[in-house]
Amino acid sequence: MSRIPDTEMTPEGPTYEGRLLDRADEPVVDQGAPFDIRTLVSRRGILGLVALGAGAVTLAACSPAATGASATATATPTATPSATPTATATPTASATTAAAALPAGEIPDETAGPYPGDGSNGADVLEQSGIVRSDLRSSLDGGARAAGVPMTLNLTIFDTANGDVPFTGAAVYVWHCDTEGNYSMYSSGIENETYLRGVQVVGADGVVSFTSIFPGCYDGRWPHIHFEVYPNVDAITDASNAIATSQVALPQATCETVYADTSTYPSSASNLSRVSLDSDNVFGDDGGVLELATTSGDNANGWTVSLGVRVDTTTTPTAGAMPGGR
């Protein structure tokens, strides 16, 4: 026998769960569909509230704070743009110039040779307008333009006295011979030309970059590029202000590939065959271990020549221009 739900008498009449009965003389189970629906809805609402409370407790129990787990952000990190160096005085020769690795020691002092063009032995290109430039292939006055296999030269200058940070603000003067081993401002027929010479200012990344041509090999010397480092661009008008004078040695395999083009480099291959890094009168003392560049590229698209250069301003420079030559 089923149990009849209890009712409660109030001044308004009999009630069930706080609601007046539609039929006061009938039991709860006989109140009709409208009363039953109101009762069902009421109970579901209560159950829903109970379920909601239980769900909130469950969520709280699963939260990082409740479990002791560390909260982990799931948002995609926003990339921070790298600062673009702006210390170069003119646009750099290459859009992608990577800084070289830190060398094992200070760049050796080497002779500037007989053709520096820095005023130390007469000719001076460093006082001419336009010498601060990245493209070295043309003369400053718009004269002749040197032809040859394209080359980008990247030098990374480190300030060793200050913990080998990039030597930002230093000025680097670069010069080298043409495909036949001749130097502008000095060699016969090109005394009035100033191509393959120029200055760049070291940027925040420590790099100076030049667009030029791959130099030839003349008799008696290993293929090379000269450079001087000055503390700032204002100091370049006096060669005695140079804080480092050295040379870049070019790798043999790259030289052999370039000089295979005998129409452009008519005598370089034969000259190269008669010299080595060990016999060279500049690099021969150590084989150019700290001056030997790395290269990449080919003759058709050009070569990239890179070298890291540590400059120590606490040491006294021992090199510079001197007479003599090939």
Protein backbone atom coordinates (compact mmCIF):
# COMPACT_ATOMS: atom_id res chain seq x y z
CA MET A 1 0.00 0.00 0.00
CA SER A 2 1.42 3.34 -1.06
CA ARG A 3 2.00 6.11 1.40
CA ILE A 4 -0.14 9.25 1.02
CA PRO A 5 2.05 12.37 1.35
CA ASP A 6 1.48 14.48 4.45
CA THR A 7 -0.28 17.82 4.25
CA GLU A 8 -0.18 20.76 6.59
CA MET A 9 -3.17 22.78 7.75
CA THR A 10 -2.84 26.57 7.52
CA PRO A 11 -5.43 29.40 7.98
CA GLU A 12 -5.69 29.51 4.17
CA GLY A 13 -6.34 25.76 3.97
CA PRO A 14 -4.35 22.54 3.55
CA THR A 15 -0.86 22.87 1.89
CA TYR A 16 1.76 20.54 0.52
CA GLU A 17 5.42 21.70 0.44
CA GLY A 18 4.14 25.22 1.05
CA ARG A 19 1.57 25.27 -1.77
CA LEU A 20 -2.22 25.37 -1.26
CA LEU A 21 -4.03 22.31 -2.54
CA ASP A 22 -6.21 22.92 -5.56
CA ARG A 23 -8.76 20.45 -4.17
CA ALA A 24 -8.94 20.92 -0.38
CA ASP A 25 -11.16 17.87 0.10
CA GLU A 26 -8.95 15.51 -1.94
CA PRO A 27 -5.63 13.86 -1.09
CA VAL A 28 -2.40 15.26 -2.55
CA VAL A 29 -2.20 12.46 -5.11
CA ASP A 30 -5.61 13.51 -6.48
CA GLN A 31 -4.92 17.26 -6.92
CA GLY A 32 -4.79 17.03 -10.70
CA ALA A 33 -2.23 17.68 -13.41
CA PRO A 34 -1.65 21.43 -12.81
CA PHE A 35 -0.68 20.87 -9.17
CA ASP A 36 1.52 17.86 -10.08
CA ILE A 37 3.38 19.91 -12.73
CA ARG A 38 4.06 22.74 -10.27
CA THR A 39 5.40 20.21 -7.78
CA LEU A 40 7.65 18.58 -10.41
CA VAL A 41 9.04 21.91 -11.58
CA SER A 42 9.70 22.96 -8.01
CA ARG A 43 11.60 19.78 -7.20
CA ARG A 44 13.70 19.98 -10.40
CA GLY A 45 14.65 23.53 -9.53
CA ILE A 46 15.85 22.43 -6.10
CA LEU A 47 17.76 19.51 -7.60
CA GLY A 48 19.30 21.87 -10.16
CA LEU A 49 20.54 24.17 -7.44
CA VAL A 50 21.98 21.21 -5.56
CA ALA A 51 23.70 19.99 -8.73
CA LEU A 52 25.05 23.47 -9.45
CA GLY A 53 26.49 23.68 -5.97
CA ALA A 54 28.08 20.26 -6.30
CA GLY A 55 29.55 21.24 -9.69
CA ALA A 56 31.05 24.39 -8.27
CA VAL A 57 32.64 22.37 -5.47
CA THR A 58 34.04 19.95 -8.05
CA LEU A 59 35.47 22.75 -10.18
CA ALA A 60 37.02 24.34 -7.14
CA ALA A 61 38.59 21.03 -6.19
CA CYS A 62 40.08 20.68 -9.72
CA SER A 63 41.51 24.19 -9.86
CA PRO A 64 45.32 24.72 -9.63
CA ALA A 65 44.93 26.39 -6.25
CA ALA A 66 43.07 23.39 -4.83
CA THR A 67 45.44 20.76 -6.21
CA GLY A 68 48.65 22.66 -5.53
CA ALA A 69 49.56 22.64 -9.25
CA SER A 70 51.06 25.74 -10.81
CA ALA A 71 48.88 27.61 -13.24
CA THR A 72 50.16 27.43 -16.81
CA ALA A 73 49.42 30.13 -19.35
CA THR A 74 48.12 28.76 -22.63
CA ALA A 75 48.17 31.96 -24.62
CA THR A 76 50.66 32.07 -27.50
CA PRO A 77 53.66 34.19 -26.47
CA THR A 78 53.91 37.49 -28.29
CA ALA A 79 57.20 37.88 -30.12
CA THR A 80 59.27 40.88 -29.10
CA PRO A 81 60.76 42.67 -32.12
CA SER A 82 64.58 42.77 -32.18
CA ALA A 83 66.10 46.19 -32.12
CA THR A 84 67.44 47.23 -35.54
CA PRO A 85 70.96 48.66 -35.34
CA THR A 86 71.02 52.25 -36.63
CA ALA A 87 74.62 53.21 -35.91
CA THR A 88 75.89 52.52 -39.44
CA ALA A 89 76.61 55.73 -41.26
CA THR A 90 75.33 54.44 -44.59
CA PRO A 91 73.11 51.52 -45.60
CA THR A 92 74.86 48.21 -45.13
CA ALA A 93 75.82 46.11 -48.12
CA SER A 94 73.88 43.03 -47.08
CA ALA A 95 70.36 42.77 -45.74
CA THR A 96 71.35 39.83 -43.57
CA THR A 97 74.69 40.35 -41.86
CA ALA A 98 75.32 37.91 -39.04
CA ALA A 99 77.82 38.76 -36.32
CA ALA A 100 80.91 36.53 -36.29
CA ALA A 101 81.88 34.40 -33.32
CA LEU A 102 84.31 35.79 -30.76
CA PRO A 103 87.90 35.02 -31.85
CA ALA A 104 90.41 33.37 -29.54
CA GLY A 105 92.61 36.45 -29.26
CA GLU A 106 93.23 40.06 -30.24
CA ILE A 107 93.61 40.76 -33.94
CA PRO A 108 97.35 40.83 -34.78
CA ASP A 109 98.94 44.14 -35.76
CA GLU A 110 100.00 44.07 -39.41
CA THR A 111 101.52 46.52 -41.83
CA ALA A 112 99.21 48.84 -43.71
CA GLY A 113 101.57 48.35 -46.64
CA PRO A 114 102.72 50.97 -49.10
CA TYR A 115 99.23 51.83 -50.43
CA PRO A 116 97.04 52.76 -47.44
CA GLY A 117 95.70 56.05 -48.78
CA ASP A 118 95.24 57.23 -45.19
CA GLY A 119 97.64 60.18 -45.38
CA SER A 120 100.51 58.35 -43.68
CA ASN A 121 102.57 58.32 -46.87
CA GLY A 122 101.10 61.11 -48.93
CA ALA A 123 97.82 60.13 -50.58
CA ASP A 124 94.81 60.60 -48.32
CA VAL A 125 91.31 59.44 -49.18
CA LEU A 126 90.00 59.75 -45.63
CA GLU A 127 89.63 63.52 -45.92
CA GLN A 128 87.53 63.28 -49.07
CA SER A 129 83.78 63.73 -49.09
CA GLY A 130 81.80 60.50 -49.43
CA ILE A 131 84.45 58.16 -48.03
CA VAL A 132 81.96 56.90 -45.42
CA ARG A 133 80.11 54.43 -47.65
CA SER A 134 79.24 50.75 -47.98
CA ASP A 135 79.70 50.24 -51.73
CA LEU A 136 83.39 50.47 -52.63
CA ARG A 137 83.25 49.61 -56.30
CA SER A 138 83.23 53.15 -57.74
CA SER A 139 85.58 56.07 -57.32
CA LEU A 140 84.30 58.81 -55.03
CA ASP A 141 84.05 61.40 -57.81
CA GLY A 142 82.03 59.09 -60.04
CA GLY A 143 85.04 58.02 -62.08
CA ALA A 144 86.01 54.45 -62.86
CA ARG A 145 84.21 51.44 -61.44
CA ALA A 146 86.10 48.27 -60.49
CA ALA A 147 84.85 45.04 -62.05
CA GLY A 148 85.19 41.52 -60.65
CA VAL A 149 83.41 38.71 -58.83
CA PRO A 150 81.01 40.35 -56.30
CA MET A 151 82.00 40.22 -52.64
CA THR A 152 80.32 41.27 -49.39
CA LEU A 153 82.77 41.83 -46.55
CA ASN A 154 81.40 41.59 -43.00
CA LEU A 155 83.69 42.46 -40.09
CA THR A 156 82.46 42.09 -36.51
CA ILE A 157 84.42 44.40 -34.21
CA PHE A 158 84.65 43.50 -30.51
CA ASP A 159 85.75 45.94 -27.78
CA THR A 160 88.00 43.66 -25.75
CA ALA A 161 88.87 46.28 -23.12
CA ASN A 162 85.20 46.47 -22.16
CA GLY A 163 84.39 42.79 -22.05
CA ASP A 164 84.27 42.06 -25.80
CA VAL A 165 81.05 43.94 -26.35
CA PRO A 166 80.30 45.24 -29.87
CA PHE A 167 82.59 48.21 -30.54
CA THR A 168 79.64 50.47 -31.38
CA GLY A 169 80.69 53.80 -32.88
CA ALA A 170 84.15 52.72 -33.99
CA ALA A 171 85.03 53.46 -37.63
CA VAL A 172 86.58 50.84 -39.93
CA TYR A 173 88.52 51.82 -43.04
CA VAL A 174 88.88 49.05 -45.65
CA TRP A 175 90.95 48.93 -48.84
CA HIS A 176 92.24 46.26 -51.22
CA CYS A 177 93.57 45.69 -54.72
CA ASP A 178 91.57 45.08 -57.91
CA THR A 179 91.43 41.91 -60.03
CA GLU A 180 94.91 42.58 -61.46
CA GLY A 181 96.51 43.35 -58.10
CA ASN A 182 96.56 47.11 -58.56
CA TYR A 183 95.68 49.72 -55.92
CA SER A 184 93.73 52.88 -56.68
CA MET A 185 95.57 56.14 -55.87
CA TYR A 186 98.95 54.43 -56.41
CA SER A 187 99.23 52.01 -59.33
CA SER A 188 100.07 53.22 -62.84
CA GLY A 189 97.04 54.48 -64.71
CA ILE A 190 94.69 54.60 -61.70
CA GLU A 191 96.46 57.19 -59.55
CA ASN A 192 93.41 59.43 -59.76
CA GLU A 193 90.89 56.71 -58.92
CA THR A 194 89.61 56.01 -55.39
CA TYR A 195 87.65 52.77 -55.84
CA LEU A 196 87.91 49.79 -53.45
CA ARG A 197 88.31 52.10 -50.45
CA GLY A 198 85.75 53.14 -47.85
CA VAL A 199 84.72 53.59 -44.23
CA GLN A 200 81.81 52.21 -42.22
CA VAL A 201 80.74 52.94 -38.62
CA VAL A 202 80.18 49.97 -36.30
CA GLY A 203 76.54 49.49 -35.38
CA ALA A 204 74.93 48.08 -32.26
CA ASP A 205 75.53 44.51 -33.47
CA GLY A 206 79.27 45.17 -33.92
CA VAL A 207 79.14 44.60 -37.67
CA VAL A 208 80.39 46.71 -40.57
CA SER A 209 79.48 45.51 -44.05
CA PHE A 210 80.95 46.48 -47.42
CA THR A 211 80.00 45.68 -51.02
CA SER A 212 83.05 45.22 -53.20
CA ILE A 213 84.76 42.77 -55.55
CA PHE A 214 86.91 39.78 -54.66
CA PRO A 215 90.54 41.01 -54.72
CA GLY A 216 93.12 39.46 -57.01
CA CYS A 217 96.37 37.80 -56.01
CA TYR A 218 99.55 39.64 -56.95
CA ASP A 219 103.01 38.13 -56.95
CA GLY A 220 104.57 37.60 -53.53
CA ARG A 221 101.49 38.10 -51.33
CA TRP A 222 98.65 35.89 -50.16
CA PRO A 223 95.22 37.31 -51.19
CA HIS A 224 94.16 39.79 -48.51
CA ILE A 225 92.13 42.84 -47.50
CA HIS A 226 93.56 45.71 -45.44
CA PHE A 227 91.70 47.49 -42.67
CA GLU A 228 92.22 50.04 -39.92
CA VAL A 229 89.99 50.58 -36.89
CA TYR A 230 89.52 54.06 -35.45
CA PRO A 231 87.80 54.95 -32.14
CA ASN A 232 85.17 57.01 -34.01
CA VAL A 233 84.50 58.48 -37.42
CA ASP A 234 85.91 61.89 -36.49
CA ALA A 235 89.32 60.30 -35.89
CA ILE A 236 89.83 58.96 -39.43
CA THR A 237 91.45 62.16 -40.73
CA ASP A 238 94.68 61.33 -38.87
CA ALA A 239 96.18 57.87 -39.46
CA SER A 240 97.97 58.02 -36.11
CA ASN A 241 94.56 57.73 -34.43
CA ALA A 242 94.12 54.14 -35.62
CA ILE A 243 93.72 51.74 -32.70
CA ALA A 244 94.23 48.63 -34.83
CA THR A 245 95.76 47.93 -38.25
CA SER A 246 95.47 44.46 -39.70
CA GLN A 247 94.57 42.32 -42.72
CA VAL A 248 91.97 39.71 -43.68
CA ALA A 249 93.39 36.50 -45.18
CA LEU A 250 91.18 34.86 -47.81
CA PRO A 251 90.71 31.05 -47.77
CA GLN A 252 92.64 29.09 -50.39
CA ALA A 253 89.71 27.02 -51.71
CA THR A 254 87.63 30.14 -52.32
CA CYS A 255 90.53 31.91 -54.00
CA GLU A 256 91.11 28.96 -56.33
CA THR A 257 87.43 28.95 -57.30
CA VAL A 258 87.40 32.70 -57.99
CA TYR A 259 90.71 32.71 -59.86
CA ALA A 260 89.55 29.93 -62.18
CA ASP A 261 87.88 32.80 -64.04
CA THR A 262 91.10 33.75 -65.86
CA SER A 263 89.34 36.27 -68.08
CA THR A 264 88.60 38.39 -65.00
CA TYR A 265 91.65 37.40 -62.92
CA PRO A 266 94.33 36.86 -65.56
CA SER A 267 97.36 36.22 -63.34
CA SER A 268 95.92 35.45 -59.90
CA ALA A 269 95.87 31.65 -60.23
CA SER A 270 99.56 31.46 -61.17
CA ASN A 271 100.53 33.97 -58.47
CA LEU A 272 98.57 32.00 -55.86
CA SER A 273 100.37 28.79 -56.79
CA ARG A 274 103.69 30.33 -55.74
CA VAL A 275 102.69 31.45 -52.24
CA SER A 276 101.13 29.98 -49.11
CA LEU A 277 99.82 31.28 -45.82
CA ASP A 278 102.93 29.93 -44.12
CA SER A 279 105.34 31.56 -46.58
CA ASP A 280 103.54 34.90 -46.78
CA ASN A 281 105.53 37.76 -45.26
CA VAL A 282 102.49 38.96 -43.25
CA PHE A 283 100.54 35.83 -42.29
CA GLY A 284 103.54 33.48 -42.20
CA ASP A 285 104.34 33.86 -38.49
CA ASP A 286 101.20 31.94 -37.47
CA GLY A 287 99.48 31.02 -40.72
CA GLY A 288 96.97 33.84 -40.22
CA VAL A 289 95.06 31.86 -37.62
CA LEU A 290 93.21 34.93 -36.26
CA GLU A 291 92.93 36.64 -39.64
CA LEU A 292 91.63 33.83 -41.85
CA ALA A 293 88.09 34.65 -42.92
CA THR A 294 85.16 32.31 -43.49
CA THR A 295 83.40 32.44 -46.84
CA SER A 296 80.18 31.33 -48.49
CA GLY A 297 78.74 31.78 -51.96
CA ASP A 298 79.82 31.26 -55.55
CA ASN A 299 81.19 33.21 -58.50
CA ALA A 300 77.80 33.79 -60.11
CA ASN A 301 76.03 35.24 -57.09
CA GLY A 302 79.04 36.58 -55.23
CA TRP A 303 80.90 35.65 -52.05
CA THR A 304 80.38 36.67 -48.45
CA VAL A 305 83.62 37.06 -46.50
CA SER A 306 83.33 37.26 -42.69
CA LEU A 307 85.79 37.78 -39.85
CA GLY A 308 85.55 38.52 -36.14
CA VAL A 309 88.01 41.18 -34.95
CA ARG A 310 88.91 41.74 -31.31
CA VAL A 311 90.38 45.20 -30.69
CA ASP A 312 92.09 45.88 -27.35
CA THR A 313 92.50 49.59 -26.66
CA THR A 314 94.63 48.87 -23.60
CA THR A 315 97.50 47.67 -25.82
CA THR A 316 99.70 49.94 -27.94
CA PRO A 317 99.36 49.49 -31.71
CA THR A 318 102.65 48.32 -33.24
CA ALA A 319 101.82 48.45 -36.95
CA GLY A 320 101.09 51.02 -39.60
CA ALA A 321 102.10 52.19 -43.05
CA MET A 322 105.59 51.34 -44.17
CA PRO A 323 107.53 51.46 -47.43
CA GLY A 324 108.02 48.43 -49.61
CA GLY A 325 105.42 46.36 -51.37
CA ARG A 326 105.12 43.53 -53.79
